[in-house]
Structure formats: structure tokens, C-alpha cells
């Protein structure tokens, strides 16, 4: 039938209602058969990606903690090495000073005091 004959026989509102009903039916079937499966697959992919991002974030947090721990321990060992080096330098400087100054101008060491006391 021709749309004009349908409008003359049933009226415009009835024909328009059936036309809109068919449009809704066609859109609904198209969405449920073609769009919904694609959205479902994309949703699964999105969930998998979110899980991977969470795992990477957790790995990054663990690695940062390990790096901080290593840096703290290395910092302590560097500090100990610095202290030992300072002691060694101070000993070398002290020994050098003893060689340059006569006994009257410096403090006598325990060994020198013992030697001097043993002369009596």
C-alpha cells in the first residue's frame, strides 16, 4: 500500500505511530545484535587492561620500596666509609705533626711518657 492511501484510510497519527514503532523495533534489534556484543568484548578488554595496570602499579610500588631501602643501606655504608676515611686521615695528619714538632711543642704520647718514665 501507498503511504498516502494509509494516511487517507487511518489518519496521520495512526500511521506515524506505526512508523515510529517500526523505527524503535529496527533500532532495538540493531543495537542488540550488532552493538551489544562489541561493547561486551570491549568491556572484557577494558577489565583486563585495568588489572594489568594495577599489577604494574603494585610492581612499581614494590620496586620503589626496594630502591629506597638500597639507597638507605648504601647511604649508611657510605657514611661508615667516610668516618673510617676521616679517622685514617686524622691518624696520618697526627703522625705527620709528631714528626715535625719537637717534644716540647706538642703533647707527648703514652709511649713517649712510658719511655721517659723508664729512664729513671
PDB file of N, CA and C in Angstrom:
ATOM      1  N   UNK A   1       0.826  -1.186   0.000  1.00  0.00           N
ATOM      2  CA  UNK A   1       0.000   0.000   0.000  1.00  0.00           C
ATOM      3  C   UNK A   1       0.867   1.246   0.000  1.00  0.00           C
ATOM      4  N   UNK A   2       0.320   2.239  -0.553  1.00  0.00           N
ATOM      5  CA  UNK A   2       0.990   3.522  -0.654  1.00  0.00           C
ATOM      6  C   UNK A   2       0.805   4.279   0.656  1.00  0.00           C
ATOM      7  N   UNK A   3       1.824   4.986   1.149  1.00  0.00           N
ATOM      8  CA  UNK A   3       1.667   5.726   2.407  1.00  0.00           C
ATOM      9  C   UNK A   3       0.534   6.758   2.351  1.00  0.00           C
ATOM     10  N   UNK A   4       0.297   7.316   1.190  1.00  0.00           N
ATOM     11  CA  UNK A   4      -0.780   8.309   1.087  1.00  0.00           C
ATOM     12  C   UNK A   4      -2.135   7.639   1.298  1.00  0.00           C
ATOM     13  N   UNK A   5      -2.336   6.464   0.753  1.00  0.00           N
ATOM     14  CA  UNK A   5      -3.605   5.733   0.929  1.00  0.00           C
ATOM     15  C   UNK A   5      -3.796   5.366   2.401  1.00  0.00           C
ATOM     16  N   UNK A   6      -2.672   4.962   3.096  1.00  0.00           N
ATOM     17  CA  UNK A   6      -2.776   4.621   4.526  1.00  0.00           C
ATOM     18  C   UNK A   6      -3.168   5.841   5.351  1.00  0.00           C
ATOM     19  N   UNK A   7      -2.594   7.003   5.041  1.00  0.00           N
ATOM     20  CA  UNK A   7      -2.934   8.222   5.778  1.00  0.00           C
ATOM     21  C   UNK A   7      -4.403   8.572   5.536  1.00  0.00           C
ATOM     22  N   UNK A   8      -4.909   8.432   4.271  1.00  0.00           N
ATOM     23  CA  UNK A   8      -6.311   8.739   3.978  1.00  0.00           C
ATOM     24  C   UNK A   8      -7.242   7.766   4.683  1.00  0.00           C
ATOM     25  N   UNK A   9      -6.847   6.503   4.774  1.00  0.00           N
ATOM     26  CA  UNK A   9      -7.726   5.476   5.347  1.00  0.00           C
ATOM     27  C   UNK A   9      -7.706   5.501   6.881  1.00  0.00           C
ATOM     28  N   UNK A  10      -6.502   5.605   7.539  1.00  0.00           N
ATOM     29  CA  UNK A  10      -6.400   5.501   9.006  1.00  0.00           C
ATOM     30  C   UNK A  10      -6.103   6.840   9.689  1.00  0.00           C
ATOM     31  N   UNK A  11      -5.583   7.770   9.017  1.00  0.00           N
ATOM     32  CA  UNK A  11      -5.237   9.068   9.599  1.00  0.00           C
ATOM     33  C   UNK A  11      -3.736   9.152   9.869  1.00  0.00           C
ATOM     34  N   UNK A  12      -3.238  10.375   9.903  1.00  0.00           N
ATOM     35  CA  UNK A  12      -1.798  10.597  10.061  1.00  0.00           C
ATOM     36  C   UNK A  12      -1.270  10.115  11.415  1.00  0.00           C
ATOM     37  N   UNK A  13      -1.978  10.410  12.541  1.00  0.00           N
ATOM     38  CA  UNK A  13      -1.408   9.979  13.833  1.00  0.00           C
ATOM     39  C   UNK A  13      -1.221   8.463  13.934  1.00  0.00           C
ATOM     40  N   UNK A  14      -2.126   7.691  13.406  1.00  0.00           N
ATOM     41  CA  UNK A  14      -2.009   6.232  13.491  1.00  0.00           C
ATOM     42  C   UNK A  14      -0.840   5.749  12.625  1.00  0.00           C
ATOM     43  N   UNK A  15      -0.735   6.239  11.411  1.00  0.00           N
ATOM     44  CA  UNK A  15       0.364   5.837  10.521  1.00  0.00           C
ATOM     45  C   UNK A  15       1.709   6.275  11.111  1.00  0.00           C
ATOM     46  N   UNK A  16       1.784   7.481  11.684  1.00  0.00           N
ATOM     47  CA  UNK A  16       3.014   7.969  12.300  1.00  0.00           C
ATOM     48  C   UNK A  16       3.391   7.112  13.501  1.00  0.00           C
ATOM     49  N   UNK A  17       2.426   6.688  14.302  1.00  0.00           N
ATOM     50  CA  UNK A  17       2.698   5.839  15.470  1.00  0.00           C
ATOM     51  C   UNK A  17       3.268   4.498  15.033  1.00  0.00           C
ATOM     52  N   UNK A  18       2.688   3.883  13.980  1.00  0.00           N
ATOM     53  CA  UNK A  18       3.229   2.624  13.475  1.00  0.00           C
ATOM     54  C   UNK A  18       4.638   2.820  12.887  1.00  0.00           C
ATOM     55  N   UNK A  19       4.844   3.915  12.183  1.00  0.00           N
ATOM     56  CA  UNK A  19       6.172   4.201  11.630  1.00  0.00           C
ATOM     57  C   UNK A  19       7.214   4.357  12.726  1.00  0.00           C
ATOM     58  N   UNK A  20       6.867   5.079  13.790  1.00  0.00           N
ATOM     59  CA  UNK A  20       7.803   5.244  14.918  1.00  0.00           C
ATOM     60  C   UNK A  20       8.014   3.922  15.647  1.00  0.00           C
ATOM     61  N   UNK A  21       6.951   3.120  15.750  1.00  0.00           N
ATOM     62  CA  UNK A  21       7.083   1.806  16.379  1.00  0.00           C
ATOM     63  C   UNK A  21       8.053   0.926  15.610  1.00  0.00           C
ATOM     64  N   UNK A  22       7.943   0.931  14.259  1.00  0.00           N
ATOM     65  CA  UNK A  22       8.879   0.158  13.451  1.00  0.00           C
ATOM     66  C   UNK A  22      10.302   0.692  13.602  1.00  0.00           C
ATOM     67  N   UNK A  23      10.475   2.003  13.672  1.00  0.00           N
ATOM     68  CA  UNK A  23      11.805   2.596  13.854  1.00  0.00           C
ATOM     69  C   UNK A  23      12.417   2.137  15.172  1.00  0.00           C
ATOM     70  N   UNK A  24      11.611   2.143  16.229  1.00  0.00           N
ATOM     71  CA  UNK A  24      12.100   1.690  17.538  1.00  0.00           C
ATOM     72  C   UNK A  24      12.477   0.214  17.476  1.00  0.00           C
ATOM     73  N   UNK A  25      11.628  -0.617  16.844  1.00  0.00           N
ATOM     74  CA  UNK A  25      11.907  -2.041  16.725  1.00  0.00           C
ATOM     75  C   UNK A  25      13.198  -2.272  15.944  1.00  0.00           C
ATOM     76  N   UNK A  26      13.390  -1.586  14.816  1.00  0.00           N
ATOM     77  CA  UNK A  26      14.597  -1.745  13.996  1.00  0.00           C
ATOM     78  C   UNK A  26      15.840  -1.310  14.778  1.00  0.00           C
ATOM     79  N   UNK A  27      15.756  -0.176  15.473  1.00  0.00           N
ATOM     80  CA  UNK A  27      16.895   0.313  16.255  1.00  0.00           C
ATOM     81  C   UNK A  27      17.234  -0.662  17.381  1.00  0.00           C
ATOM     82  N   UNK A  28      16.231  -1.186  18.060  1.00  0.00           N
ATOM     83  CA  UNK A  28      16.440  -2.127  19.162  1.00  0.00           C
ATOM     84  C   UNK A  28      17.122  -3.397  18.672  1.00  0.00           C
ATOM     85  N   UNK A  29      16.662  -3.964  17.583  1.00  0.00           N
ATOM     86  CA  UNK A  29      17.267  -5.195  17.071  1.00  0.00           C
ATOM     87  C   UNK A  29      18.693  -4.937  16.582  1.00  0.00           C
ATOM     88  N   UNK A  30      18.929  -3.791  15.976  1.00  0.00           N
ATOM     89  CA  UNK A  30      20.279  -3.464  15.505  1.00  0.00           C
ATOM     90  C   UNK A  30      21.242  -3.326  16.685  1.00  0.00           C
ATOM     91  N   UNK A  31      20.803  -2.641  17.750  1.00  0.00           N
ATOM     92  CA  UNK A  31      21.660  -2.446  18.923  1.00  0.00           C
ATOM     93  C   UNK A  31      21.942  -3.780  19.604  1.00  0.00           C
ATOM     94  N   UNK A  32      20.936  -4.608  19.771  1.00  0.00           N
ATOM     95  CA  UNK A  32      21.138  -5.864  20.496  1.00  0.00           C
ATOM     96  C   UNK A  32      21.913  -6.894  19.687  1.00  0.00           C
ATOM     97  N   UNK A  33      21.836  -6.857  18.364  1.00  0.00           N
ATOM     98  CA  UNK A  33      22.548  -7.871  17.569  1.00  0.00           C
ATOM     99  C   UNK A  33      23.949  -7.434  17.168  1.00  0.00           C
ATOM    100  N   UNK A  34      24.183  -6.135  16.977  1.00  0.00           N
ATOM    101  CA  UNK A  34      25.477  -5.711  16.463  1.00  0.00           C
ATOM    102  C   UNK A  34      26.305  -4.909  17.469  1.00  0.00           C
ATOM    103  N   UNK A  35      25.679  -4.041  18.211  1.00  0.00           N
ATOM    104  CA  UNK A  35      26.421  -3.151  19.111  1.00  0.00           C
ATOM    105  C   UNK A  35      26.709  -3.821  20.452  1.00  0.00           C
ATOM    106  N   UNK A  36      25.751  -4.515  21.031  1.00  0.00           N
ATOM    107  CA  UNK A  36      25.922  -5.094  22.364  1.00  0.00           C
ATOM    108  C   UNK A  36      27.082  -6.098  22.427  1.00  0.00           C
ATOM    109  N   UNK A  37      27.255  -7.002  21.463  1.00  0.00           N
ATOM    110  CA  UNK A  37      28.416  -7.911  21.538  1.00  0.00           C
ATOM    111  C   UNK A  37      29.760  -7.173  21.460  1.00  0.00           C
ATOM    112  N   UNK A  38      29.823  -6.134  20.659  1.00  0.00           N
ATOM    113  CA  UNK A  38      31.063  -5.368  20.544  1.00  0.00           C
ATOM    114  C   UNK A  38      31.367  -4.667  21.858  1.00  0.00           C
ATOM    115  N   UNK A  39      30.343  -4.123  22.498  1.00  0.00           N
ATOM    116  CA  UNK A  39      30.537  -3.452  23.796  1.00  0.00           C
ATOM    117  C   UNK A  39      30.963  -4.465  24.852  1.00  0.00           C
ATOM    118  N   UNK A  40      30.370  -5.669  24.810  1.00  0.00           N
ATOM    119  CA  UNK A  40      30.765  -6.712  25.765  1.00  0.00           C
ATOM    120  C   UNK A  40      32.228  -7.093  25.614  1.00  0.00           C
ATOM    121  N   UNK A  41      32.683  -7.240  24.369  1.00  0.00           N
ATOM    122  CA  UNK A  41      34.095  -7.584  24.132  1.00  0.00           C
ATOM    123  C   UNK A  41      35.010  -6.449  24.579  1.00  0.00           C
ATOM    124  N   UNK A  42      34.600  -5.217  24.287  1.00  0.00           N
ATOM    125  CA  UNK A  42      35.409  -4.072  24.707  1.00  0.00           C
ATOM    126  C   UNK A  42      35.456  -3.977  26.231  1.00  0.00           C
ATOM    127  N   UNK A  43      34.355  -4.318  26.893  1.00  0.00           N
ATOM    128  CA  UNK A  43      34.309  -4.290  28.351  1.00  0.00           C
ATOM    129  C   UNK A  43      35.285  -5.319  28.937  1.00  0.00           C
ATOM    130  N   UNK A  44      35.317  -6.516  28.340  1.00  0.00           N
ATOM    131  CA  UNK A  44      36.264  -7.535  28.796  1.00  0.00           C
ATOM    132  C   UNK A  44      37.701  -7.087  28.621  1.00  0.00           C
ATOM    133  N   UNK A  45      37.988  -6.477  27.492  1.00  0.00           N
ATOM    134  CA  UNK A  45      39.335  -5.964  27.237  1.00  0.00           C
ATOM    135  C   UNK A  45      39.696  -4.861  28.221  1.00  0.00           C
ATOM    136  N   UNK A  46      38.749  -3.989  28.503  1.00  0.00           N
ATOM    137  CA  UNK A  46      38.982  -2.902  29.452  1.00  0.00           C
ATOM    138  C   UNK A  46      39.274  -3.434  30.846  1.00  0.00           C
ATOM    139  N   UNK A  47      38.540  -4.430  31.283  1.00  0.00           N
ATOM    140  CA  UNK A  47      38.780  -5.017  32.608  1.00  0.00           C
ATOM    141  C   UNK A  47      40.170  -5.649  32.661  1.00  0.00           C
ATOM    142  N   UNK A  48      40.568  -6.353  31.579  1.00  0.00           N
ATOM    143  CA  UNK A  48      41.905  -6.957  31.538  1.00  0.00           C
ATOM    144  C   UNK A  48      42.994  -5.887  31.599  1.00  0.00           C
ATOM    145  N   UNK A  49      42.799  -4.784  30.885  1.00  0.00           N
ATOM    146  CA  UNK A  49      43.787  -3.706  30.915  1.00  0.00           C
ATOM    147  C   UNK A  49      43.866  -3.054  32.293  1.00  0.00           C
ATOM    148  N   UNK A  50      42.739  -2.858  32.935  1.00  0.00           N
ATOM    149  CA  UNK A  50      42.737  -2.268  34.286  1.00  0.00           C
ATOM    150  C   UNK A  50      43.487  -3.182  35.253  1.00  0.00           C
ATOM    151  N   UNK A  51      43.273  -4.499  35.139  1.00  0.00           N
ATOM    152  CA  UNK A  51      44.002  -5.437  36.002  1.00  0.00           C
ATOM    153  C   UNK A  51      45.506  -5.360  35.758  1.00  0.00           C
ATOM    154  N   UNK A  52      45.904  -5.258  34.502  1.00  0.00           N
ATOM    155  CA  UNK A  52      47.340  -5.158  34.200  1.00  0.00           C
ATOM    156  C   UNK A  52      47.927  -3.863  34.746  1.00  0.00           C
ATOM    157  N   UNK A  53      47.180  -2.786  34.634  1.00  0.00           N
ATOM    158  CA  UNK A  53      47.659  -1.508  35.172  1.00  0.00           C
ATOM    159  C   UNK A  53      47.821  -1.593  36.680  1.00  0.00           C
ATOM    160  N   UNK A  54      46.885  -2.239  37.349  1.00  0.00           N
ATOM    161  CA  UNK A  54      47.004  -2.404  38.810  1.00  0.00           C
ATOM    162  C   UNK A  54      48.233  -3.236  39.161  1.00  0.00           C
ATOM    163  N   UNK A  55      48.467  -4.318  38.403  1.00  0.00           N
ATOM    164  CA  UNK A  55      49.648  -5.137  38.669  1.00  0.00           C
ATOM    165  C   UNK A  55      50.923  -4.334  38.453  1.00  0.00           C
ATOM    166  N   UNK A  56      50.982  -3.551  37.381  1.00  0.00           N
ATOM    167  CA  UNK A  56      52.161  -2.727  37.130  1.00  0.00           C
ATOM    168  C   UNK A  56      52.348  -1.678  38.214  1.00  0.00           C
ATOM    169  N   UNK A  57      51.246  -1.112  38.693  1.00  0.00           N
ATOM    170  CA  UNK A  57      51.331  -0.118  39.762  1.00  0.00           C
ATOM    171  C   UNK A  57      51.882  -0.758  41.035  1.00  0.00           C
ATOM    172  N   UNK A  58      51.387  -1.959  41.351  1.00  0.00           N
ATOM    173  CA  UNK A  58      51.902  -2.660  42.530  1.00  0.00           C
ATOM    174  C   UNK A  58      53.385  -2.987  42.359  1.00  0.00           C
ATOM    175  N   UNK A  59      53.777  -3.426  41.161  1.00  0.00           N
ATOM    176  CA  UNK A  59      55.196  -3.711  40.914  1.00  0.00           C
ATOM    177  C   UNK A  59      56.035  -2.448  41.063  1.00  0.00           C
ATOM    178  N   UNK A  60      55.526  -1.335  40.565  1.00  0.00           N
ATOM    179  CA  UNK A  60      56.252  -0.068  40.672  1.00  0.00           C
ATOM    180  C   UNK A  60      56.413   0.349  42.134  1.00  0.00           C
ATOM    181  N   UNK A  61      55.372   0.154  42.929  1.00  0.00           N
ATOM    182  CA  UNK A  61      55.454   0.490  44.361  1.00  0.00           C
ATOM    183  C   UNK A  61      56.508  -0.386  45.032  1.00  0.00           C
ATOM    184  N   UNK A  62      56.494  -1.695  44.738  1.00  0.00           N
ATOM    185  CA  UNK A  62      57.488  -2.592  45.339  1.00  0.00           C
ATOM    186  C   UNK A  62      58.901  -2.215  44.924  1.00  0.00           C
ATOM    187  N   UNK A  63      59.098  -1.904  43.655  1.00  0.00           N
ATOM    188  CA  UNK A  63      60.432  -1.515  43.192  1.00  0.00           C
ATOM    189  C   UNK A  63      60.901  -0.223  43.844  1.00  0.00           C
ATOM    190  N   UNK A  64      60.003   0.738  44.018  1.00  0.00           N
ATOM    191  CA  UNK A  64      60.368   1.984  44.681  1.00  0.00           C
ATOM    192  C   UNK A  64      60.790   1.719  46.126  1.00  0.00           C
ATOM    193  N   UNK A  65      60.077   0.825  46.818  1.00  0.00           N
ATOM    194  CA  UNK A  65      60.443   0.493  48.186  1.00  0.00           C
ATOM    195  C   UNK A  65      61.820  -0.159  48.223  1.00  0.00           C
ATOM    196  N   UNK A  66      62.094  -1.057  47.277  1.00  0.00           N
ATOM    197  CA  UNK A  66      63.407  -1.711  47.238  1.00  0.00           C
ATOM    198  C   UNK A  66      64.510  -0.702  46.964  1.00  0.00           C
ATOM    199  N   UNK A  67      64.268   0.207  46.033  1.00  0.00           N
ATOM    200  CA  UNK A  67      65.274   1.228  45.719  1.00  0.00           C
ATOM    201  C   UNK A  67      65.531   2.112  46.934  1.00  0.00           C
ATOM    202  N   UNK A  68      64.471   2.513  47.638  1.00  0.00           N
ATOM    203  CA  UNK A  68      64.652   3.343  48.833  1.00  0.00           C
ATOM    204  C   UNK A  68      65.447   2.599  49.897  1.00  0.00           C
ATOM    205  N   UNK A  69      65.156   1.307  50.072  1.00  0.00           N
ATOM    206  CA  UNK A  69      65.891   0.514  51.059  1.00  0.00           C
ATOM    207  C   UNK A  69      67.365   0.422  50.681  1.00  0.00           C
ATOM    208  N   UNK A  70      67.639   0.139  49.416  1.00  0.00           N
ATOM    209  CA  UNK A  70      69.032   0.040  48.966  1.00  0.00           C
ATOM    210  C   UNK A  70      69.740   1.377  49.139  1.00  0.00           C
ATOM    211  N   UNK A  71      69.058   2.460  48.799  1.00  0.00           N
ATOM    212  CA  UNK A  71      69.675   3.778  48.942  1.00  0.00           C
ATOM    213  C   UNK A  71      69.968   4.094  50.410  1.00  0.00           C
ATOM    214  N   UNK A  72      69.047   3.717  51.302  1.00  0.00           N
ATOM    215  CA  UNK A  72      69.298   3.955  52.724  1.00  0.00           C
ATOM    216  C   UNK A  72      70.481   3.127  53.204  1.00  0.00           C
ATOM    217  N   UNK A  73      70.508   1.839  52.828  1.00  0.00           N
ATOM    218  CA  UNK A  73      71.617   0.987  53.260  1.00  0.00           C
ATOM    219  C   UNK A  73      72.934   1.458  52.648  1.00  0.00           C
ATOM    220  N   UNK A  74      72.905   1.829  51.378  1.00  0.00           N
ATOM    221  CA  UNK A  74      74.119   2.327  50.726  1.00  0.00           C
ATOM    222  C   UNK A  74      74.564   3.636  51.364  1.00  0.00           C
ATOM    223  N   UNK A  75      73.592   4.472  51.729  1.00  0.00           N
ATOM    224  CA  UNK A  75      73.935   5.722  52.397  1.00  0.00           C
ATOM    225  C   UNK A  75      74.618   5.468  53.732  1.00  0.00           C
ATOM    226  N   UNK A  76      74.143   4.458  54.465  1.00  0.00           N
ATOM    227  CA  UNK A  76      74.783   4.121  55.738  1.00  0.00           C
ATOM    228  C   UNK A  76      76.185   3.593  55.504  1.00  0.00           C
ATOM    229  N   UNK A  77      76.361   2.747  54.498  1.00  0.00           N
ATOM    230  CA  UNK A  77      77.698   2.215  54.243  1.00  0.00           C
ATOM    231  C   UNK A  77      78.634   3.319  53.765  1.00  0.00           C
ATOM    232  N   UNK A  78      78.121   4.237  52.971  1.00  0.00           N
ATOM    233  CA  UNK A  78      78.941   5.368  52.534  1.00  0.00           C
ATOM    234  C   UNK A  78      79.337   6.217  53.739  1.00  0.00           C
ATOM    235  N   UNK A  79      78.412   6.422  54.672  1.00  0.00           N
ATOM    236  CA  UNK A  79      78.710   7.204  55.871  1.00  0.00           C
ATOM    237  C   UNK A  79      79.782   6.497  56.713  1.00  0.00           C
ATOM    238  N   UNK A  80      79.670   5.177  56.848  1.00  0.00           N
ATOM    239  CA  UNK A  80      80.692   4.428  57.594  1.00  0.00           C
ATOM    240  C   UNK A  80      82.044   4.518  56.891  1.00  0.00           C
ATOM    241  N   UNK A  81      82.067   4.402  55.577  1.00  0.00           N
ATOM    242  CA  UNK A  81      83.323   4.532  54.841  1.00  0.00           C
ATOM    243  C   UNK A  81      83.916   5.921  55.022  1.00  0.00           C
ATOM    244  N   UNK A  82      83.066   6.942  55.041  1.00  0.00           N
ATOM    245  CA  UNK A  82      83.544   8.311  55.234  1.00  0.00           C
ATOM    246  C   UNK A  82      84.145   8.471  56.624  1.00  0.00           C
ATOM    247  N   UNK A  83      83.498   7.909  57.631  1.00  0.00           N
ATOM    248  CA  UNK A  83      84.004   8.017  59.001  1.00  0.00           C
ATOM    249  C   UNK A  83      85.358   7.305  59.118  1.00  0.00           C
ATOM    250  N   UNK A  84      85.465   6.108  58.535  1.00  0.00           N
ATOM    251  CA  UNK A  84      86.729   5.379  58.589  1.00  0.00           C
ATOM    252  C   UNK A  84      87.835   6.150  57.844  1.00  0.00           C
ATOM    253  N   UNK A  85      87.476   6.728  56.713  1.00  0.00           N
ATOM    254  CA  UNK A  85      88.456   7.507  55.957  1.00  0.00           C
ATOM    255  C   UNK A  85      88.895   8.735  56.753  1.00  0.00           C
ATOM    256  N   UNK A  86      87.954   9.397  57.444  1.00  0.00           N
ATOM    257  CA  UNK A  86      88.310  10.550  58.285  1.00  0.00           C
ATOM    258  C   UNK A  86      89.265  10.134  59.399  1.00  0.00           C
ATOM    259  N   UNK A  87      88.999   8.988  60.017  1.00  0.00           N
ATOM    260  CA  UNK A  87      89.876   8.506  61.084  1.00  0.00           C
ATOM    261  C   UNK A  87      91.283   8.236  60.543  1.00  0.00           C
ATOM    262  N   UNK A  88      91.335   7.613  59.383  1.00  0.00           N
ATOM    263  CA  UNK A  88      92.624   7.305  58.785  1.00  0.00           C
ATOM    264  C   UNK A  88      93.381   8.584  58.416  1.00  0.00           C
ATOM    265  N   UNK A  89      92.662   9.551  57.868  1.00  0.00           N
ATOM    266  CA  UNK A  89      93.294  10.835  57.515  1.00  0.00           C
ATOM    267  C   UNK A  89      93.776  11.544  58.766  1.00  0.00           C
ATOM    268  N   UNK A  90      92.945  11.548  59.812  1.00  0.00           N
ATOM    269  CA  UNK A  90      93.341  12.198  61.061  1.00  0.00           C
ATOM    270  C   UNK A  90      94.570  11.523  61.659  1.00  0.00           C
ATOM    271  N   UNK A  91      94.652  10.194  61.543  1.00  0.00           N
ATOM    272  CA  UNK A  91      95.816   9.477  62.066  1.00  0.00           C
ATOM    273  C   UNK A  91      97.075   9.855  61.285  1.00  0.00           C
ATOM    274  N   UNK A  92      96.944   9.918  59.967  1.00  0.00           N
ATOM    275  CA  UNK A  92      98.084  10.294  59.129  1.00  0.00           C
ATOM    276  C   UNK A  92      98.526  11.718  59.445  1.00  0.00           C
ATOM    277  N   UNK A  93      97.572  12.642  59.591  1.00  0.00           N
ATOM    278  CA  UNK A  93      97.900  14.037  59.907  1.00  0.00           C
ATOM    279  C   UNK A  93      98.563  14.110  61.274  1.00  0.00           C
ATOM    280  N   UNK A  94      98.047  13.370  62.233  1.00  0.00           N
ATOM    281  CA  UNK A  94      98.616  13.389  63.589  1.00  0.00           C
ATOM    282  C   UNK A  94     100.040  12.836  63.570  1.00  0.00           C
ATOM    283  N   UNK A  95     100.248  11.748  62.845  1.00  0.00           N
ATOM    284  CA  UNK A  95     101.591  11.182  62.754  1.00  0.00           C
ATOM    285  C   UNK A  95     102.551  12.172  62.088  1.00  0.00           C
ATOM    286  N   UNK A  96     102.070  12.869  61.076  1.00  0.00           N
ATOM    287  CA  UNK A  96     102.899  13.848  60.375  1.00  0.00           C
ATOM    288  C   UNK A  96     103.263  15.013  61.305  1.00  0.00           C
ATOM    289  N   UNK A  97     102.309  15.431  62.110  1.00  0.00           N
ATOM    290  CA  UNK A  97     102.571  16.538  63.039  1.00  0.00           C
ATOM    291  C   UNK A  97     103.612  16.131  64.080  1.00  0.00           C
ATOM    292  N   UNK A  98     103.548  14.891  64.532  1.00  0.00           N
ATOM    293  CA  UNK A  98     104.513  14.432  65.538  1.00  0.00           C
ATOM    294  C   UNK A  98     105.935  14.483  64.985  1.00  0.00           C
ATOM    295  N   UNK A  99     106.049  14.156  63.721  1.00  0.00           N
ATOM    296  CA  UNK A  99     107.385  14.146  63.126  1.00  0.00           C
ATOM    297  C   UNK A  99     107.944  15.556  62.974  1.00  0.00           C
ATOM    298  N   UNK A 100     107.093  16.544  62.766  1.00  0.00           N
ATOM    299  CA  UNK A 100     107.558  17.905  62.515  1.00  0.00           C
ATOM    300  C   UNK A 100     107.870  18.665  63.807  1.00  0.00           C
ATOM    301  N   UNK A 101     107.061  18.479  64.829  1.00  0.00           N
ATOM    302  CA  UNK A 101     107.227  19.279  66.050  1.00  0.00           C
ATOM    303  C   UNK A 101     108.151  18.584  67.044  1.00  0.00           C
ATOM    304  N   UNK A 102     108.981  19.360  67.712  1.00  0.00           N
ATOM    305  CA  UNK A 102     109.769  18.769  68.795  1.00  0.00           C
ATOM    306  C   UNK A 102     108.851  18.449  69.978  1.00  0.00           C
ATOM    307  N   UNK A 103     109.365  17.670  70.903  1.00  0.00           N
ATOM    308  CA  UNK A 103     108.542  17.207  72.014  1.00  0.00           C
ATOM    309  C   UNK A 103     108.011  18.361  72.855  1.00  0.00           C
ATOM    310  N   UNK A 104     108.737  19.390  73.021  1.00  0.00           N
ATOM    311  CA  UNK A 104     108.285  20.498  73.859  1.00  0.00           C
ATOM    312  C   UNK A 104     107.100  21.254  73.266  1.00  0.00           C
ATOM    313  N   UNK A 105     106.897  21.179  72.000  1.00  0.00           N
ATOM    314  CA  UNK A 105     105.830  21.935  71.353  1.00  0.00           C
ATOM    315  C   UNK A 105     104.583  21.098  71.092  1.00  0.00           C
ATOM    316  N   UNK A 106     104.603  19.851  71.461  1.00  0.00           N
ATOM    317  CA  UNK A 106     103.425  19.011  71.255  1.00  0.00           C
ATOM    318  C   UNK A 106     103.204  18.163  72.486  1.00  0.00           C
ATOM    319  N   UNK A 107     102.063  17.541  72.492  1.00  0.00           N
ATOM    320  CA  UNK A 107     101.768  16.665  73.626  1.00  0.00           C
ATOM    321  C   UNK A 107     102.495  15.346  73.422  1.00  0.00           C
ATOM    322  N   UNK A 108     103.014  14.831  74.463  1.00  0.00           N
ATOM    323  CA  UNK A 108     103.735  13.564  74.389  1.00  0.00           C
ATOM    324  C   UNK A 108     102.726  12.425  74.315  1.00  0.00           C
ATOM    325  N   UNK A 109     103.104  11.388  73.616  1.00  0.00           N
ATOM    326  CA  UNK A 109     102.236  10.219  73.518  1.00  0.00           C
ATOM    327  C   UNK A 109     102.472   9.334  74.729  1.00  0.00           C
ATOM    328  N   UNK A 110     101.583   8.355  74.926  1.00  0.00           N
ATOM    329  CA  UNK A 110     101.725   7.442  76.067  1.00  0.00           C
ATOM    330  C   UNK A 110     103.041   6.673  75.976  1.00  0.00           C
ATOM    331  N   UNK A 111     103.394   6.302  74.783  1.00  0.00           N
ATOM    332  CA  UNK A 111     104.628   5.545  74.597  1.00  0.00           C
ATOM    333  C   UNK A 111     105.839   6.387  74.999  1.00  0.00           C
ATOM    334  N   UNK A 112     105.816   7.664  74.618  1.00  0.00           N
ATOM    335  CA  UNK A 112     106.921   8.553  74.987  1.00  0.00           C
ATOM    336  C   UNK A 112     106.971   8.784  76.483  1.00  0.00           C
ATOM    337  N   UNK A 113     105.790   8.884  77.102  1.00  0.00           N
ATOM    338  CA  UNK A 113     105.746   9.085  78.570  1.00  0.00           C
ATOM    339  C   UNK A 113     106.308   7.849  79.267  1.00  0.00           C
ATOM    340  N   UNK A 114     105.930   6.673  78.809  1.00  0.00           N
ATOM    341  CA  UNK A 114     106.424   5.427  79.415  1.00  0.00           C
ATOM    342  C   UNK A 114     107.940   5.308  79.239  1.00  0.00           C
ATOM    343  N   UNK A 115     108.398   5.695  78.052  1.00  0.00           N
ATOM    344  CA  UNK A 115     109.835   5.633  77.819  1.00  0.00           C
ATOM    345  C   UNK A 115     110.581   6.620  78.717  1.00  0.00           C
ATOM    346  N   UNK A 116     110.012   7.797  78.862  1.00  0.00           N
ATOM    347  CA  UNK A 116     110.656   8.784  79.720  1.00  0.00           C
ATOM    348  C   UNK A 116     110.621   8.350  81.174  1.00  0.00           C
ATOM    349  N   UNK A 117     109.565   7.714  81.607  1.00  0.00           N
ATOM    350  CA  UNK A 117     109.464   7.269  82.994  1.00  0.00           C
ATOM    351  C   UNK A 117     110.418   6.098  83.252  1.00  0.00           C
ATOM    352  N   UNK A 118     110.687   5.321  82.270  1.00  0.00           N
ATOM    353  CA  UNK A 118     111.583   4.176  82.424  1.00  0.00           C
ATOM    354  C   UNK A 118     113.049   4.576  82.489  1.00  0.00           C
ATOM    355  N   UNK A 119     113.411   5.823  82.180  1.00  0.00           N
ATOM    356  CA  UNK A 119     114.792   6.269  82.198  1.00  0.00           C
ATOM    357  C   UNK A 119     115.295   6.458  83.611  1.00  0.00           C
ATOM    358  N   UNK A 120     114.444   6.625  84.581  1.00  0.00           N
ATOM    359  CA  UNK A 120     114.883   6.898  85.943  1.00  0.00           C
ATOM    360  C   UNK A 120     115.625   5.808  86.572  1.00  0.00           C
TER     361      UNK A 120
END
